[in-house]
C-alpha atoms as a PDB file:
ATOM      1  CA  MET A   1     127.112 -13.157 -99.123  1.00  0.00           C
ATOM      2  CA  ILE A   2     129.679 -15.618-100.345  1.00  0.00           C
ATOM      3  CA  PRO A   3     128.989 -17.012-104.024  1.00  0.00           C
ATOM      4  CA  GLU A   4     128.744 -20.704-103.572  1.00  0.00           C
ATOM      5  CA  ILE A   5     131.611 -21.654-105.912  1.00  0.00           C
ATOM      6  CA  TRP A   6     133.793 -20.311-103.170  1.00  0.00           C
ATOM      7  CA  VAL A   7     132.227 -22.345-100.867  1.00  0.00           C
ATOM      8  CA  LEU A   8     132.973 -25.451-103.175  1.00  0.00           C
ATOM      9  CA  ARG A   9     136.383 -24.465-103.570  1.00  0.00           C
ATOM     10  CA  ALA A  10     136.876 -24.150 -99.801  1.00  0.00           C
ATOM     11  CA  LEU A  11     135.494 -27.685 -99.191  1.00  0.00           C
ATOM     12  CA  GLU A  12     137.409 -29.254-101.841  1.00  0.00           C
ATOM     13  CA  GLY A  13     140.717 -27.898-100.590  1.00  0.00           C
ATOM     14  CA  GLY A  14     139.917 -28.957 -96.698  1.00  0.00           C
ATOM     15  CA  ILE A  15     138.987 -32.753 -98.407  1.00  0.00           C
ATOM     16  CA  LEU A  16     142.854 -32.276-100.482  1.00  0.00           C
ATOM     17  CA  GLY A  17     144.209 -31.089 -96.935  1.00  0.00           C
ATOM     18  CA  VAL A  18     143.211 -33.358 -94.515  1.00  0.00           C
ATOM     19  CA  GLY A  19     143.075 -36.298 -96.935  1.00  0.00           C
ATOM     20  CA  ALA A  20     147.037 -35.449 -97.748  1.00  0.00           C
ATOM     21  CA  ILE A  21     147.526 -35.543 -94.089  1.00  0.00           C
ATOM     22  CA  ILE A  22     146.165 -38.938 -93.549  1.00  0.00           C
ATOM     23  CA  ALA A  23     147.863 -40.175 -96.263  1.00  0.00           C
ATOM     24  CA  ILE A  24     151.298 -38.565 -94.992  1.00  0.00           C
ATOM     25  CA  GLN A  25     150.791 -40.272 -91.784  1.00  0.00           C
ATOM     26  CA  SER A  26     149.778 -43.512 -93.198  1.00  0.00           C
ATOM     27  CA  PHE A  27     153.045 -43.808 -95.175  1.00  0.00           C
ATOM     28  CA  ARG A  28     155.059 -42.510 -92.238  1.00  0.00           C
ATOM     29  CA  ALA A  29     153.532 -45.560 -90.245  1.00  0.00           C
ATOM     30  CA  TYR A  30     154.267 -47.648 -93.287  1.00  0.00           C
ATOM     31  CA  ARG A  31     157.966 -46.789 -93.079  1.00  0.00           C
ATOM     32  CA  ARG A  32     158.231 -47.833 -89.373  1.00  0.00           C
ATOM     33  CA  THR A  33     156.285 -50.745 -89.710  1.00  0.00           C
ATOM     34  CA  ARG A  34     156.760 -52.206 -93.206  1.00  0.00           C
ATOM     35  CA  SER A  35     152.937 -52.830 -93.092  1.00  0.00           C
ATOM     36  CA  PRO A  36     152.131 -52.930 -96.897  1.00  0.00           C
ATOM     37  CA  ALA A  37     148.380 -52.468 -95.296  1.00  0.00           C
ATOM     38  CA  LEU A  38     149.297 -49.286 -94.180  1.00  0.00           C
ATOM     39  CA  ALA A  39     151.224 -48.149 -97.373  1.00  0.00           C
ATOM     40  CA  LEU A  40     147.586 -49.346 -99.190  1.00  0.00           C
ATOM     41  CA  LEU A  41     145.760 -47.169 -96.606  1.00  0.00           C
ATOM     42  CA  GLY A  42     147.603 -44.053 -97.477  1.00  0.00           C
ATOM     43  CA  ALA A  43     147.446 -44.713-101.375  1.00  0.00           C
ATOM     44  CA  GLY A  44     143.576 -45.289-100.947  1.00  0.00           C
ATOM     45  CA  PHE A  45     143.235 -42.213 -99.101  1.00  0.00           C
ATOM     46  CA  VAL A  46     145.081 -40.536-102.063  1.00  0.00           C
ATOM     47  CA  LEU A  47     143.150 -41.480-104.349  1.00  0.00           C
ATOM     48  CA  ILE A  48     140.219 -40.055-102.260  1.00  0.00           C
ATOM     49  CA  SER A  49     141.766 -36.660-101.945  1.00  0.00           C
ATOM     50  CA  VAL A  50     142.670 -36.730-105.197  1.00  0.00           C
ATOM     51  CA  ALA A  51     139.076 -36.631-106.547  1.00  0.00           C
ATOM     52  CA  ALA A  52     138.350 -33.246-104.880  1.00  0.00           C
ATOM     53  CA  ALA A  53     140.890 -31.658-106.946  1.00  0.00           C
ATOM     54  CA  VAL A  54     140.251 -33.331-110.353  1.00  0.00           C
ATOM     55  CA  ALA A  55     136.446 -32.878-110.155  1.00  0.00           C
ATOM     56  CA  GLY A  56     137.609 -29.348-109.562  1.00  0.00           C
ATOM     57  CA  VAL A  57     139.859 -28.924-112.029  1.00  0.00           C
ATOM     58  CA  LEU A  58     137.485 -30.619-114.853  1.00  0.00           C
ATOM     59  CA  TYR A  59     134.836 -28.389-113.913  1.00  0.00           C
ATOM     60  CA  GLU A  60     136.504 -25.223-113.802  1.00  0.00           C
ATOM     61  CA  LEU A  61     139.914 -25.505-116.067  1.00  0.00           C
ATOM     62  CA  PHE A  62     138.591 -27.728-118.928  1.00  0.00           C
ATOM     63  CA  SER A  63     134.807 -26.447-118.862  1.00  0.00           C
ATOM     64  CA  GLN A  64     133.408 -29.879-118.586  1.00  0.00           C
ATOM     65  CA  ASP A  65     130.190 -29.903-117.549  1.00  0.00           C
ATOM     66  CA  LEU A  66     129.052 -30.947-113.630  1.00  0.00           C
ATOM     67  CA  LEU A  67     128.002 -34.600-114.276  1.00  0.00           C
ATOM     68  CA  THR A  68     131.528 -35.336-116.423  1.00  0.00           C
ATOM     69  CA  ALA A  69     133.053 -33.730-113.092  1.00  0.00           C
ATOM     70  CA  TRP A  70     131.042 -35.940-110.629  1.00  0.00           C
ATOM     71  CA  VAL A  71     131.418 -39.036-112.442  1.00  0.00           C
ATOM     72  CA  ALA A  72     135.757 -38.638-112.222  1.00  0.00           C
ATOM     73  CA  PHE A  73     134.892 -37.725-108.459  1.00  0.00           C
ATOM     74  CA  SER A  74     132.880 -40.755-107.754  1.00  0.00           C
ATOM     75  CA  THR A  75     135.320 -43.056-110.131  1.00  0.00           C
ATOM     76  CA  PHE A  76     138.448 -41.534-107.860  1.00  0.00           C
ATOM     77  CA  ASP A  77     136.353 -42.170-104.585  1.00  0.00           C
ATOM     78  CA  LEU A  78     135.316 -45.527-105.441  1.00  0.00           C
ATOM     79  CA  ALA A  79     138.915 -46.373-106.441  1.00  0.00           C
ATOM     80  CA  GLY A  80     140.274 -45.146-102.840  1.00  0.00           C
ATOM     81  CA  PHE A  81     137.591 -46.912-100.952  1.00  0.00           C
ATOM     82  CA  LEU A  82     138.358 -50.141-102.700  1.00  0.00           C
ATOM     83  CA  VAL A  83     142.053 -49.766-102.314  1.00  0.00           C
ATOM     84  CA  ILE A  84     141.386 -48.932 -98.389  1.00  0.00           C
ATOM     85  CA  LEU A  85     138.795 -51.886 -98.065  1.00  0.00           C
ATOM     86  CA  TYR A  86     141.786 -54.115 -99.590  1.00  0.00           C
ATOM     87  CA  SER A  87     144.336 -52.972 -96.893  1.00  0.00           C
ATOM     88  CA  ILE A  88     141.883 -53.704 -94.217  1.00  0.00           C
ATOM     89  CA  LEU A  89     141.067 -57.052 -95.536  1.00  0.00           C
ATOM     90  CA  GLN A  90     144.434 -58.489 -96.501  1.00  0.00           C
ATOM     91  CA  VAL A  91     145.476 -61.629 -95.225  1.00  0.00           C
ATOM     92  CA  ARG A  92     148.508 -61.230 -92.735  1.00  0.00           C
ATOM     93  CA  PRO A  93     150.514 -64.289 -91.687  1.00  0.00           C
ATOM     94  CA  ALA A  94     149.918 -65.718 -88.108  1.00  0.00           C
ATOM     95  CA  ARG A  95     152.302 -64.507 -85.602  1.00  0.00           C
ATOM     96  CA  PRO A  96     154.365 -67.327 -84.045  1.00  0.00           C
END
C-alpha cells in the first residue's frame, strides 16, 4: 500500500505540472496577441499552481501544522482565482 503522503505529493506535483502548462500556453498567447487579459490569465494559473507547492513546503520542510499549510494554500488559490476573474471581466475597447 502507498503511504498517503505520497499520494498527496503526486497530486500536488500534478497540479503544479498542469498549472505550469496552462500558464505557459497563456503567456505564449499573450506574446502573439499582446492581450493583457491573457497575461493575467497566466498569472492567475501560476498563483493557483504555486499554492500546492507552498502548502507542501510549509508542511513538510518547515514543519508547520496542517492548518497553516491549508491557509497558505487557500490564500494563493483565492488570489489566483481573483486574478483570473479580473482577466475575464476586464473591459476591452470596442472594435471599430
